[in-house]
Amino acid sequence: MTCVTATMPRAFVDEAAPGLDVHGAVLRDGMGALLASFLRALPDALEGAGPAGAAAVPRLLRDLLAAALPAHAAAEAERLLLDRVRRHVAANMHRPLTADTLCDAVGCSRAALYRAFAGRGGVMAYVLEKRLLRARRLLADSVSPASVAAAAAAAGFRDASELGRAFRRRFGTTPGAARRADPAKPAPGGPVQRRIRTWIEAGG
């Protein structure tokens, strides 16, 4: 009986199957059989492959693994990755957030991160939108509206000027004007409704 064990870095697998959890997966279909045949032939094939051929084996194996996994599993893995990123952004919006810090925080490669947000305008566009929504919510708070500087800091902008430029592009008005708009008008709903709005803005 021949046993072949292959190990790969998580980031390397993420390039082909972002965020995919393969623990416990049993591949029984045609692609699974092809992967098994490849693994069984691997020891003998490597003996005569030479350095160049051996260097190509990890990528071949990784791509076969990604092709053998069910499509719904890959979609689920991407959903889980998106959820991890969303939670991290919501909890750390006041801190610097870059592609690299997000990758480190959620344990994925840059390629996987970019792929997951490709249909959503890009990951940094997502982060900016969440920052702006938080700043607007803080400015419009009916009980204790934040100053523009405080809203900028809480939402992760470098200063009030940076918030102002982004705010005008997104909402067509200034943060100061948004803060002064209808100051006597109560915000819709009470504390529960405000928590619901916060949850929607964080997880959307």
N, C-alpha and C. Protein backbone atom coordinates (compact mmCIF):
# COMPACT_ATOMS: atom_id res chain seq x y z
N MET A 1 0.86 -1.20 0.00
CA MET A 1 0.00 0.00 0.00
C MET A 1 0.89 1.24 0.00
N THR A 2 0.55 2.21 -0.85
CA THR A 2 1.32 3.44 -0.97
C THR A 2 0.55 4.60 -0.35
N CYS A 3 1.22 5.37 0.48
CA CYS A 3 0.61 6.55 1.10
C CYS A 3 1.40 7.78 0.68
N VAL A 4 0.71 8.74 0.10
CA VAL A 4 1.34 9.98 -0.34
C VAL A 4 0.74 11.13 0.46
N THR A 5 1.59 11.90 1.13
CA THR A 5 1.14 13.06 1.91
C THR A 5 1.70 14.32 1.27
N ALA A 6 0.82 15.28 1.00
CA ALA A 6 1.25 16.55 0.40
C ALA A 6 0.79 17.68 1.30
N THR A 7 1.67 18.63 1.58
CA THR A 7 1.32 19.80 2.38
C THR A 7 1.58 21.06 1.57
N MET A 8 0.75 22.07 1.75
CA MET A 8 0.89 23.33 1.02
C MET A 8 0.59 24.49 1.95
N PRO A 9 1.24 25.63 1.76
CA PRO A 9 0.89 26.81 2.54
C PRO A 9 -0.54 27.26 2.25
N ARG A 10 -1.22 27.75 3.27
CA ARG A 10 -2.60 28.20 3.12
C ARG A 10 -2.72 29.26 2.04
N ALA A 11 -1.79 30.22 2.01
CA ALA A 11 -1.86 31.30 1.03
C ALA A 11 -1.73 30.77 -0.39
N PHE A 12 -0.94 29.70 -0.57
CA PHE A 12 -0.76 29.12 -1.89
C PHE A 12 -2.07 28.50 -2.38
N VAL A 13 -2.77 27.80 -1.50
CA VAL A 13 -4.06 27.21 -1.87
C VAL A 13 -5.09 28.30 -2.13
N ASP A 14 -5.03 29.39 -1.35
CA ASP A 14 -6.00 30.47 -1.49
C ASP A 14 -5.94 31.13 -2.86
N GLU A 15 -4.79 31.08 -3.52
CA GLU A 15 -4.70 31.68 -4.84
C GLU A 15 -5.66 31.02 -5.82
N ALA A 16 -5.91 29.72 -5.65
CA ALA A 16 -6.82 29.01 -6.55
C ALA A 16 -8.19 28.80 -5.93
N ALA A 17 -8.25 28.66 -4.61
CA ALA A 17 -9.53 28.41 -3.92
C ALA A 17 -9.56 29.27 -2.67
N PRO A 18 -9.90 30.57 -2.81
CA PRO A 18 -9.80 31.50 -1.68
C PRO A 18 -10.63 31.10 -0.49
N GLY A 19 -9.97 31.01 0.67
CA GLY A 19 -10.66 30.77 1.92
C GLY A 19 -11.27 29.39 2.08
N LEU A 20 -10.98 28.48 1.17
CA LEU A 20 -11.64 27.18 1.18
C LEU A 20 -11.12 26.30 2.31
N ASP A 21 -12.04 25.74 3.07
CA ASP A 21 -11.68 24.80 4.13
C ASP A 21 -11.82 23.38 3.57
N VAL A 22 -10.70 22.70 3.39
CA VAL A 22 -10.73 21.36 2.79
C VAL A 22 -10.64 20.26 3.83
N HIS A 23 -10.59 20.61 5.11
CA HIS A 23 -10.46 19.60 6.15
C HIS A 23 -11.67 18.68 6.15
N GLY A 24 -11.40 17.38 6.07
CA GLY A 24 -12.47 16.39 6.10
C GLY A 24 -13.15 16.16 4.77
N ALA A 25 -12.75 16.88 3.72
CA ALA A 25 -13.39 16.71 2.41
C ALA A 25 -12.99 15.36 1.81
N VAL A 26 -13.97 14.66 1.26
CA VAL A 26 -13.74 13.38 0.58
C VAL A 26 -14.18 13.56 -0.88
N LEU A 27 -13.25 13.39 -1.79
CA LEU A 27 -13.53 13.61 -3.21
C LEU A 27 -13.79 12.27 -3.88
N ARG A 28 -15.00 12.09 -4.39
CA ARG A 28 -15.39 10.79 -4.92
C ARG A 28 -15.71 10.82 -6.41
N ASP A 29 -15.79 12.01 -7.01
CA ASP A 29 -16.20 12.06 -8.42
C ASP A 29 -15.00 11.88 -9.35
N GLY A 30 -15.21 12.17 -10.63
CA GLY A 30 -14.16 11.96 -11.61
C GLY A 30 -12.91 12.77 -11.36
N MET A 31 -13.09 14.05 -10.95
CA MET A 31 -11.93 14.88 -10.66
C MET A 31 -11.19 14.37 -9.44
N GLY A 32 -11.93 13.82 -8.47
CA GLY A 32 -11.28 13.24 -7.30
C GLY A 32 -10.43 12.04 -7.68
N ALA A 33 -10.95 11.21 -8.60
CA ALA A 33 -10.19 10.05 -9.07
C ALA A 33 -8.94 10.49 -9.82
N LEU A 34 -9.06 11.56 -10.59
CA LEU A 34 -7.89 12.08 -11.32
C LEU A 34 -6.83 12.58 -10.35
N LEU A 35 -7.26 13.27 -9.30
CA LEU A 35 -6.32 13.74 -8.29
C LEU A 35 -5.64 12.57 -7.59
N ALA A 36 -6.40 11.52 -7.27
CA ALA A 36 -5.82 10.34 -6.63
C ALA A 36 -4.80 9.67 -7.53
N SER A 37 -5.10 9.58 -8.83
CA SER A 37 -4.15 8.98 -9.78
C SER A 37 -2.87 9.80 -9.85
N PHE A 38 -3.02 11.10 -9.85
CA PHE A 38 -1.86 11.99 -9.88
C PHE A 38 -0.98 11.76 -8.66
N LEU A 39 -1.59 11.66 -7.49
CA LEU A 39 -0.83 11.46 -6.26
C LEU A 39 -0.14 10.11 -6.25
N ARG A 40 -0.83 9.07 -6.72
CA ARG A 40 -0.21 7.74 -6.73
C ARG A 40 0.99 7.68 -7.66
N ALA A 41 0.92 8.43 -8.76
CA ALA A 41 2.02 8.42 -9.74
C ALA A 41 3.14 9.38 -9.37
N LEU A 42 2.89 10.22 -8.38
CA LEU A 42 3.83 11.30 -8.06
C LEU A 42 5.22 10.80 -7.65
N PRO A 43 5.35 9.82 -6.75
CA PRO A 43 6.71 9.40 -6.35
C PRO A 43 7.57 8.95 -7.52
N ASP A 44 7.01 8.12 -8.40
CA ASP A 44 7.78 7.65 -9.55
C ASP A 44 8.06 8.78 -10.53
N ALA A 45 7.06 9.66 -10.73
CA ALA A 45 7.21 10.75 -11.69
C ALA A 45 8.30 11.72 -11.25
N LEU A 46 8.43 11.96 -9.95
CA LEU A 46 9.41 12.92 -9.47
C LEU A 46 10.84 12.44 -9.67
N GLU A 47 11.04 11.13 -9.69
CA GLU A 47 12.40 10.61 -9.84
C GLU A 47 13.04 11.05 -11.14
N GLY A 48 12.24 11.11 -12.22
CA GLY A 48 12.82 11.50 -13.50
C GLY A 48 12.39 12.88 -13.98
N ALA A 49 11.78 13.66 -13.09
CA ALA A 49 11.23 14.94 -13.52
C ALA A 49 12.30 16.02 -13.67
N GLY A 50 13.36 15.94 -12.89
CA GLY A 50 14.37 17.00 -12.91
C GLY A 50 13.90 18.21 -12.12
N PRO A 51 14.79 19.16 -11.87
CA PRO A 51 14.44 20.33 -11.05
C PRO A 51 13.27 21.14 -11.60
N ALA A 52 13.28 21.37 -12.92
CA ALA A 52 12.21 22.18 -13.51
C ALA A 52 10.86 21.49 -13.39
N GLY A 53 10.85 20.20 -13.67
CA GLY A 53 9.59 19.46 -13.56
C GLY A 53 9.09 19.39 -12.14
N ALA A 54 10.01 19.16 -11.20
CA ALA A 54 9.62 19.07 -9.79
C ALA A 54 9.06 20.41 -9.31
N ALA A 55 9.61 21.51 -9.80
CA ALA A 55 9.15 22.83 -9.37
C ALA A 55 7.72 23.10 -9.82
N ALA A 56 7.29 22.44 -10.91
CA ALA A 56 5.93 22.67 -11.42
C ALA A 56 4.88 21.83 -10.70
N VAL A 57 5.33 20.82 -9.93
CA VAL A 57 4.39 19.88 -9.31
C VAL A 57 3.45 20.55 -8.31
N PRO A 58 3.94 21.40 -7.39
CA PRO A 58 3.02 21.99 -6.40
C PRO A 58 1.86 22.74 -7.04
N ARG A 59 2.14 23.51 -8.09
CA ARG A 59 1.05 24.26 -8.73
C ARG A 59 0.07 23.32 -9.43
N LEU A 60 0.61 22.27 -10.07
CA LEU A 60 -0.27 21.29 -10.71
C LEU A 60 -1.18 20.62 -9.69
N LEU A 61 -0.59 20.23 -8.58
CA LEU A 61 -1.36 19.57 -7.53
C LEU A 61 -2.40 20.52 -6.94
N ARG A 62 -2.00 21.76 -6.68
CA ARG A 62 -2.92 22.76 -6.14
C ARG A 62 -4.10 22.99 -7.08
N ASP A 63 -3.81 23.12 -8.39
CA ASP A 63 -4.87 23.38 -9.35
C ASP A 63 -5.80 22.18 -9.52
N LEU A 64 -5.25 20.98 -9.45
CA LEU A 64 -6.10 19.79 -9.50
C LEU A 64 -7.01 19.73 -8.28
N LEU A 65 -6.48 20.06 -7.13
CA LEU A 65 -7.28 20.07 -5.91
C LEU A 65 -8.42 21.07 -6.02
N ALA A 66 -8.11 22.27 -6.50
CA ALA A 66 -9.13 23.30 -6.64
C ALA A 66 -10.21 22.88 -7.64
N ALA A 67 -9.80 22.21 -8.73
CA ALA A 67 -10.77 21.76 -9.73
C ALA A 67 -11.63 20.61 -9.21
N ALA A 68 -11.08 19.82 -8.29
CA ALA A 68 -11.81 18.66 -7.79
C ALA A 68 -12.84 19.03 -6.74
N LEU A 69 -12.69 20.19 -6.12
CA LEU A 69 -13.61 20.58 -5.05
C LEU A 69 -14.94 21.04 -5.64
N PRO A 70 -16.03 20.70 -5.02
CA PRO A 70 -17.35 21.12 -5.53
C PRO A 70 -17.45 22.63 -5.63
N ALA A 71 -18.15 23.10 -6.64
CA ALA A 71 -18.29 24.54 -6.85
C ALA A 71 -18.97 25.21 -5.66
N HIS A 72 -19.93 24.55 -5.07
CA HIS A 72 -20.63 25.18 -3.95
C HIS A 72 -19.72 25.34 -2.74
N ALA A 73 -18.73 24.44 -2.61
CA ALA A 73 -17.79 24.57 -1.50
C ALA A 73 -16.92 25.81 -1.68
N ALA A 74 -16.49 26.06 -2.92
CA ALA A 74 -15.70 27.26 -3.19
C ALA A 74 -16.52 28.52 -2.92
N ALA A 75 -17.79 28.49 -3.32
CA ALA A 75 -18.65 29.65 -3.08
C ALA A 75 -18.86 29.88 -1.59
N GLU A 76 -19.02 28.80 -0.84
CA GLU A 76 -19.20 28.92 0.60
C GLU A 76 -17.93 29.47 1.25
N ALA A 77 -16.78 29.03 0.76
CA ALA A 77 -15.52 29.53 1.31
C ALA A 77 -15.37 31.02 1.06
N GLU A 78 -15.78 31.48 -0.12
CA GLU A 78 -15.70 32.91 -0.41
C GLU A 78 -16.65 33.69 0.49
N ARG A 79 -17.83 33.13 0.74
CA ARG A 79 -18.78 33.80 1.62
C ARG A 79 -18.20 33.93 3.04
N LEU A 80 -17.56 32.87 3.51
CA LEU A 80 -16.96 32.91 4.84
C LEU A 80 -15.83 33.94 4.90
N LEU A 81 -15.06 34.01 3.83
CA LEU A 81 -13.99 35.00 3.78
C LEU A 81 -14.56 36.42 3.83
N LEU A 82 -15.61 36.65 3.06
CA LEU A 82 -16.26 37.96 3.07
C LEU A 82 -16.78 38.31 4.46
N ASP A 83 -17.37 37.33 5.13
CA ASP A 83 -17.88 37.57 6.48
C ASP A 83 -16.76 37.93 7.44
N ARG A 84 -15.62 37.23 7.33
CA ARG A 84 -14.50 37.54 8.22
C ARG A 84 -13.99 38.96 7.99
N VAL A 85 -13.89 39.34 6.72
CA VAL A 85 -13.41 40.68 6.40
C VAL A 85 -14.40 41.72 6.91
N ARG A 86 -15.69 41.49 6.70
CA ARG A 86 -16.70 42.46 7.14
C ARG A 86 -16.66 42.65 8.65
N ARG A 87 -16.53 41.55 9.38
CA ARG A 87 -16.49 41.66 10.84
C ARG A 87 -15.25 42.42 11.30
N HIS A 88 -14.13 42.13 10.65
CA HIS A 88 -12.89 42.81 11.03
C HIS A 88 -12.97 44.30 10.73
N VAL A 89 -13.50 44.65 9.58
CA VAL A 89 -13.63 46.07 9.22
C VAL A 89 -14.54 46.78 10.21
N ALA A 90 -15.67 46.17 10.55
CA ALA A 90 -16.61 46.80 11.48
C ALA A 90 -15.99 47.02 12.85
N ALA A 91 -15.15 46.10 13.30
CA ALA A 91 -14.56 46.19 14.63
C ALA A 91 -13.31 47.06 14.67
N ASN A 92 -12.72 47.35 13.53
CA ASN A 92 -11.43 48.05 13.51
C ASN A 92 -11.43 49.25 12.57
N MET A 93 -12.59 49.82 12.35
CA MET A 93 -12.69 50.91 11.38
C MET A 93 -11.88 52.13 11.79
N HIS A 94 -11.67 52.33 13.08
CA HIS A 94 -10.92 53.49 13.55
C HIS A 94 -9.42 53.33 13.35
N ARG A 95 -9.00 52.14 12.93
CA ARG A 95 -7.57 51.86 12.72
C ARG A 95 -7.24 51.87 11.23
N PRO A 96 -5.95 52.00 10.90
CA PRO A 96 -5.56 51.90 9.49
C PRO A 96 -5.92 50.53 8.93
N LEU A 97 -6.57 50.51 7.78
CA LEU A 97 -6.95 49.26 7.14
C LEU A 97 -6.44 49.27 5.71
N THR A 98 -5.58 48.32 5.40
CA THR A 98 -5.06 48.17 4.05
C THR A 98 -5.27 46.73 3.62
N ALA A 99 -5.00 46.45 2.36
CA ALA A 99 -5.12 45.08 1.88
C ALA A 99 -4.22 44.15 2.70
N ASP A 100 -3.03 44.61 3.02
CA ASP A 100 -2.09 43.76 3.76
C ASP A 100 -2.57 43.51 5.19
N THR A 101 -3.08 44.55 5.87
CA THR A 101 -3.53 44.34 7.24
C THR A 101 -4.77 43.44 7.27
N LEU A 102 -5.62 43.57 6.27
CA LEU A 102 -6.80 42.70 6.20
C LEU A 102 -6.40 41.26 5.95
N CYS A 103 -5.45 41.04 5.05
CA CYS A 103 -4.97 39.67 4.78
C CYS A 103 -4.40 39.05 6.04
N ASP A 104 -3.59 39.82 6.77
CA ASP A 104 -3.00 39.30 8.01
C ASP A 104 -4.09 38.97 9.03
N ALA A 105 -5.10 39.82 9.11
CA ALA A 105 -6.13 39.66 10.13
C ALA A 105 -7.02 38.44 9.88
N VAL A 106 -7.36 38.19 8.62
CA VAL A 106 -8.30 37.10 8.31
C VAL A 106 -7.60 35.86 7.78
N GLY A 107 -6.28 35.94 7.55
CA GLY A 107 -5.54 34.77 7.12
C GLY A 107 -5.79 34.36 5.68
N CYS A 108 -5.65 35.31 4.76
CA CYS A 108 -5.82 34.97 3.34
C CYS A 108 -4.76 35.71 2.53
N SER A 109 -4.63 35.35 1.28
CA SER A 109 -3.68 36.02 0.39
C SER A 109 -4.32 37.26 -0.22
N ARG A 110 -3.48 38.15 -0.75
CA ARG A 110 -4.01 39.33 -1.44
C ARG A 110 -4.87 38.92 -2.62
N ALA A 111 -4.43 37.89 -3.35
CA ALA A 111 -5.20 37.43 -4.51
C ALA A 111 -6.59 36.98 -4.10
N ALA A 112 -6.68 36.24 -3.00
CA ALA A 112 -7.98 35.77 -2.52
C ALA A 112 -8.86 36.94 -2.08
N LEU A 113 -8.25 37.91 -1.41
CA LEU A 113 -9.01 39.08 -0.94
C LEU A 113 -9.55 39.88 -2.12
N TYR A 114 -8.70 40.13 -3.10
CA TYR A 114 -9.14 40.90 -4.27
C TYR A 114 -10.22 40.15 -5.04
N ARG A 115 -10.06 38.83 -5.14
CA ARG A 115 -11.05 38.04 -5.88
C ARG A 115 -12.41 38.07 -5.18
N ALA A 116 -12.40 38.00 -3.87
CA ALA A 116 -13.65 37.97 -3.12
C ALA A 116 -14.43 39.27 -3.28
N PHE A 117 -13.73 40.40 -3.44
CA PHE A 117 -14.40 41.70 -3.55
C PHE A 117 -14.43 42.24 -4.97
N ALA A 118 -14.04 41.42 -5.94
CA ALA A 118 -13.97 41.89 -7.32
C ALA A 118 -15.32 42.37 -7.83
N GLY A 119 -16.39 41.68 -7.46
CA GLY A 119 -17.71 42.07 -7.92
C GLY A 119 -18.38 43.12 -7.05
N ARG A 120 -17.64 43.65 -6.09
CA ARG A 120 -18.20 44.63 -5.15
C ARG A 120 -17.44 45.95 -5.21
N GLY A 121 -16.76 46.19 -6.30
CA GLY A 121 -16.03 47.44 -6.47
C GLY A 121 -14.64 47.45 -5.88
N GLY A 122 -14.21 46.33 -5.27
CA GLY A 122 -12.89 46.27 -4.67
C GLY A 122 -12.96 46.39 -3.16
N VAL A 123 -11.99 45.80 -2.49
CA VAL A 123 -12.04 45.75 -1.03
C VAL A 123 -11.86 47.13 -0.40
N MET A 124 -11.00 47.97 -0.98
CA MET A 124 -10.79 49.27 -0.38
C MET A 124 -11.98 50.21 -0.63
N ALA A 125 -12.70 50.00 -1.73
CA ALA A 125 -13.94 50.75 -1.94
C ALA A 125 -14.97 50.35 -0.89
N TYR A 126 -14.99 49.06 -0.54
CA TYR A 126 -15.90 48.59 0.51
C TYR A 126 -15.54 49.25 1.85
N VAL A 127 -14.26 49.28 2.17
CA VAL A 127 -13.82 49.88 3.43
C VAL A 127 -14.21 51.36 3.47
N LEU A 128 -13.99 52.09 2.37
CA LEU A 128 -14.32 53.51 2.32
C LEU A 128 -15.82 53.72 2.52
N GLU A 129 -16.64 52.90 1.88
CA GLU A 129 -18.09 53.04 2.03
C GLU A 129 -18.51 52.84 3.48
N LYS A 130 -17.93 51.85 4.15
CA LYS A 130 -18.28 51.61 5.54
C LYS A 130 -17.81 52.75 6.44
N ARG A 131 -16.65 53.32 6.15
CA ARG A 131 -16.16 54.47 6.91
C ARG A 131 -17.13 55.65 6.77
N LEU A 132 -17.56 55.90 5.53
CA LEU A 132 -18.44 57.03 5.29
C LEU A 132 -19.80 56.84 5.95
N LEU A 133 -20.33 55.64 5.91
CA LEU A 133 -21.61 55.37 6.55
C LEU A 133 -21.52 55.57 8.07
N ARG A 134 -20.39 55.13 8.64
CA ARG A 134 -20.23 55.33 10.09
C ARG A 134 -20.11 56.81 10.42
N ALA A 135 -19.32 57.54 9.63
CA ALA A 135 -19.17 58.97 9.89
C ALA A 135 -20.51 59.68 9.78
N ARG A 136 -21.28 59.36 8.76
CA ARG A 136 -22.58 60.01 8.60
C ARG A 136 -23.51 59.69 9.77
N ARG A 137 -23.49 58.45 10.23
CA ARG A 137 -24.34 58.07 11.36
C ARG A 137 -23.94 58.83 12.61
N LEU A 138 -22.63 58.98 12.86
CA LEU A 138 -22.17 59.70 14.04
C LEU A 138 -22.53 61.19 13.97
N LEU A 139 -22.42 61.77 12.78
CA LEU A 139 -22.73 63.18 12.60
C LEU A 139 -24.22 63.45 12.78
N ALA A 140 -25.05 62.47 12.39
CA ALA A 140 -26.50 62.67 12.41
C ALA A 140 -27.16 62.18 13.69
N ASP A 141 -26.36 61.74 14.66
CA ASP A 141 -26.95 61.25 15.91
C ASP A 141 -27.79 62.34 16.56
N SER A 142 -29.06 62.03 16.84
CA SER A 142 -29.99 63.04 17.34
C SER A 142 -29.73 63.40 18.80
N VAL A 143 -29.09 62.52 19.54
CA VAL A 143 -28.83 62.77 20.97
C VAL A 143 -27.51 63.48 21.18
N SER A 144 -26.47 62.97 20.56
CA SER A 144 -25.14 63.54 20.76
C SER A 144 -24.34 63.48 19.46
N PRO A 145 -24.64 64.37 18.52
CA PRO A 145 -23.92 64.34 17.24
C PRO A 145 -22.43 64.61 17.43
N ALA A 146 -21.64 63.83 16.76
CA ALA A 146 -20.18 63.99 16.87
C ALA A 146 -19.72 65.22 16.09
N SER A 147 -18.62 65.78 16.53
CA SER A 147 -17.99 66.83 15.73
C SER A 147 -17.42 66.20 14.47
N VAL A 148 -17.13 67.02 13.48
CA VAL A 148 -16.57 66.48 12.24
C VAL A 148 -15.24 65.80 12.51
N ALA A 149 -14.42 66.42 13.35
CA ALA A 149 -13.11 65.83 13.67
C ALA A 149 -13.28 64.50 14.39
N ALA A 150 -14.22 64.43 15.34
CA ALA A 150 -14.43 63.18 16.08
C ALA A 150 -14.99 62.10 15.17
N ALA A 151 -15.90 62.45 14.28
CA ALA A 151 -16.46 61.47 13.35
C ALA A 151 -15.37 60.96 12.41
N ALA A 152 -14.49 61.85 11.97
CA ALA A 152 -13.40 61.44 11.09
C ALA A 152 -12.49 60.44 11.80
N ALA A 153 -12.14 60.72 13.04
CA ALA A 153 -11.25 59.82 13.80
C ALA A 153 -11.92 58.48 14.05
N ALA A 154 -13.19 58.50 14.44
CA ALA A 154 -13.90 57.25 14.75
C ALA A 154 -14.10 56.39 13.53
N ALA A 155 -14.18 57.00 12.35
CA ALA A 155 -14.41 56.24 11.12
C ALA A 155 -13.11 55.91 10.40
N GLY A 156 -11.98 56.31 10.95
CA GLY A 156 -10.70 55.91 10.39
C GLY A 156 -10.12 56.84 9.34
N PHE A 157 -10.63 58.05 9.22
CA PHE A 157 -10.04 59.02 8.30
C PHE A 157 -8.87 59.73 8.98
N ARG A 158 -7.90 60.15 8.18
CA ARG A 158 -6.70 60.76 8.76
C ARG A 158 -7.04 62.08 9.46
N ASP A 159 -7.96 62.84 8.88
CA ASP A 159 -8.36 64.10 9.49
C ASP A 159 -9.70 64.53 8.90
N ALA A 160 -10.19 65.66 9.38
CA ALA A 160 -11.49 66.15 8.92
C ALA A 160 -11.48 66.50 7.44
N SER A 161 -10.35 66.97 6.94
CA SER A 161 -10.27 67.33 5.52
C SER A 161 -10.45 66.11 4.63
N GLU A 162 -9.80 65.01 5.00
CA GLU A 162 -9.95 63.79 4.20
C GLU A 162 -11.41 63.30 4.22
N LEU A 163 -12.02 63.34 5.40
CA LEU A 163 -13.43 62.98 5.49
C LEU A 163 -14.27 63.90 4.63
N GLY A 164 -14.00 65.20 4.68
CA GLY A 164 -14.79 66.16 3.92
C GLY A 164 -14.77 65.88 2.43
N ARG A 165 -13.58 65.60 1.89
CA ARG A 165 -13.48 65.35 0.45
C ARG A 165 -14.25 64.09 0.06
N ALA A 166 -14.06 63.02 0.83
CA ALA A 166 -14.75 61.77 0.52
C ALA A 166 -16.25 61.89 0.73
N PHE A 167 -16.65 62.63 1.76
CA PHE A 167 -18.06 62.80 2.08
C PHE A 167 -18.78 63.54 0.97
N ARG A 168 -18.16 64.60 0.47
CA ARG A 168 -18.78 65.37 -0.62
C ARG A 168 -18.92 64.53 -1.88
N ARG A 169 -17.90 63.73 -2.19
CA ARG A 169 -18.00 62.88 -3.39
C ARG A 169 -19.12 61.86 -3.24
N ARG A 170 -19.30 61.32 -2.05
CA ARG A 170 -20.27 60.25 -1.86
C ARG A 170 -21.69 60.76 -1.66
N PHE A 171 -21.85 61.82 -0.87
CA PHE A 171 -23.20 62.25 -0.48
C PHE A 171 -23.60 63.60 -1.07
N GLY A 172 -22.68 64.29 -1.72
CA GLY A 172 -23.01 65.56 -2.34
C GLY A 172 -23.19 66.71 -1.37
N THR A 173 -22.69 66.58 -0.16
CA THR A 173 -22.77 67.64 0.84
C THR A 173 -21.56 67.53 1.75
N THR A 174 -21.40 68.47 2.65
CA THR A 174 -20.25 68.43 3.55
C THR A 174 -20.63 67.75 4.86
N PRO A 175 -19.65 67.24 5.60
CA PRO A 175 -19.96 66.67 6.91
C PRO A 175 -20.62 67.68 7.85
N GLY A 176 -20.15 68.93 7.79
CA GLY A 176 -20.73 69.96 8.65
C GLY A 176 -22.20 70.20 8.34
N ALA A 177 -22.53 70.21 7.04
CA ALA A 177 -23.92 70.41 6.65
C ALA A 177 -24.77 69.22 7.08
N ALA A 178 -24.22 68.04 6.96
CA ALA A 178 -24.95 66.84 7.38
C ALA A 178 -25.19 66.86 8.88
N ARG A 179 -24.24 67.39 9.62
CA ARG A 179 -24.38 67.46 11.08
C ARG A 179 -25.44 68.47 11.49
N ARG A 180 -25.55 69.57 10.73
CA ARG A 180 -26.49 70.62 11.08
C ARG A 180 -27.90 70.39 10.55
N ALA A 181 -28.06 69.42 9.65
CA ALA A 181 -29.35 69.21 9.00
C ALA A 181 -30.40 68.76 10.01
N ASP A 182 -31.51 69.51 10.09
CA ASP A 182 -32.64 69.18 10.96
C ASP A 182 -32.19 68.77 12.36
N PRO A 183 -31.44 69.60 13.06
CA PRO A 183 -30.92 69.18 14.36
C PRO A 183 -32.00 68.86 15.38
N ALA A 184 -33.20 69.45 15.22
CA ALA A 184 -34.26 69.18 16.19
C ALA A 184 -35.10 67.97 15.84
N LYS A 185 -34.90 67.44 14.64
CA LYS A 185 -35.71 66.32 14.19
C LYS A 185 -35.16 65.03 14.79
N PRO A 186 -35.97 64.27 15.55
CA PRO A 186 -35.46 63.03 16.14
C PRO A 186 -35.15 62.00 15.07
N ALA A 187 -34.13 61.21 15.33
CA ALA A 187 -33.80 60.13 14.40
C ALA A 187 -34.90 59.09 14.44
N PRO A 188 -35.17 58.42 13.31
CA PRO A 188 -36.22 57.41 13.28
C PRO A 188 -35.96 56.33 14.32
N GLY A 189 -36.97 56.07 15.17
CA GLY A 189 -36.85 54.98 16.12
C GLY A 189 -36.03 55.35 17.34
N GLY A 190 -35.88 54.37 18.24
CA GLY A 190 -35.13 54.57 19.46
C GLY A 190 -33.82 53.82 19.44
N PRO A 191 -33.30 53.47 20.63
CA PRO A 191 -32.00 52.79 20.72
C PRO A 191 -31.95 51.49 19.93
N VAL A 192 -33.03 50.72 19.96
CA VAL A 192 -33.04 49.44 19.24
C VAL A 192 -32.91 49.69 17.75
N GLN A 193 -33.65 50.66 17.23
CA GLN A 193 -33.57 50.96 15.80
C GLN A 193 -32.18 51.45 15.42
N ARG A 194 -31.56 52.25 16.32
CA ARG A 194 -30.21 52.73 16.02
C ARG A 194 -29.23 51.57 15.98
N ARG A 195 -29.40 50.59 16.89
CA ARG A 195 -28.52 49.42 16.86
C ARG A 195 -28.72 48.62 15.59
N ILE A 196 -29.96 48.53 15.12
CA ILE A 196 -30.23 47.80 13.88
C ILE A 196 -29.56 48.50 12.70
N ARG A 197 -29.64 49.85 12.66
CA ARG A 197 -28.99 50.57 11.57
C ARG A 197 -27.49 50.36 11.61
N THR A 198 -26.91 50.37 12.82
CA THR A 198 -25.47 50.13 12.96
C THR A 198 -25.11 48.75 12.46
N TRP A 199 -25.92 47.76 12.80
CA TRP A 199 -25.64 46.38 12.38
C TRP A 199 -25.71 46.26 10.86
N ILE A 200 -26.72 46.93 10.25
CA ILE A 200 -26.86 46.85 8.80
C ILE A 200 -25.66 47.49 8.13
N GLU A 201 -25.23 48.65 8.63
CA GLU A 201 -24.09 49.36 8.03
C GLU A 201 -22.82 48.54 8.17
N ALA A 202 -22.67 47.82 9.27
CA ALA A 202 -21.44 47.04 9.49
C ALA A 202 -21.40 45.79 8.65
N GLY A 203 -22.53 45.15 8.42
CA GLY A 203 -22.51 43.85 7.76
C GLY A 203 -22.95 43.84 6.33
N GLY A 204 -23.35 44.97 5.77
CA GLY A 204 -23.86 44.97 4.40
C GLY A 204 -22.79 44.80 3.36
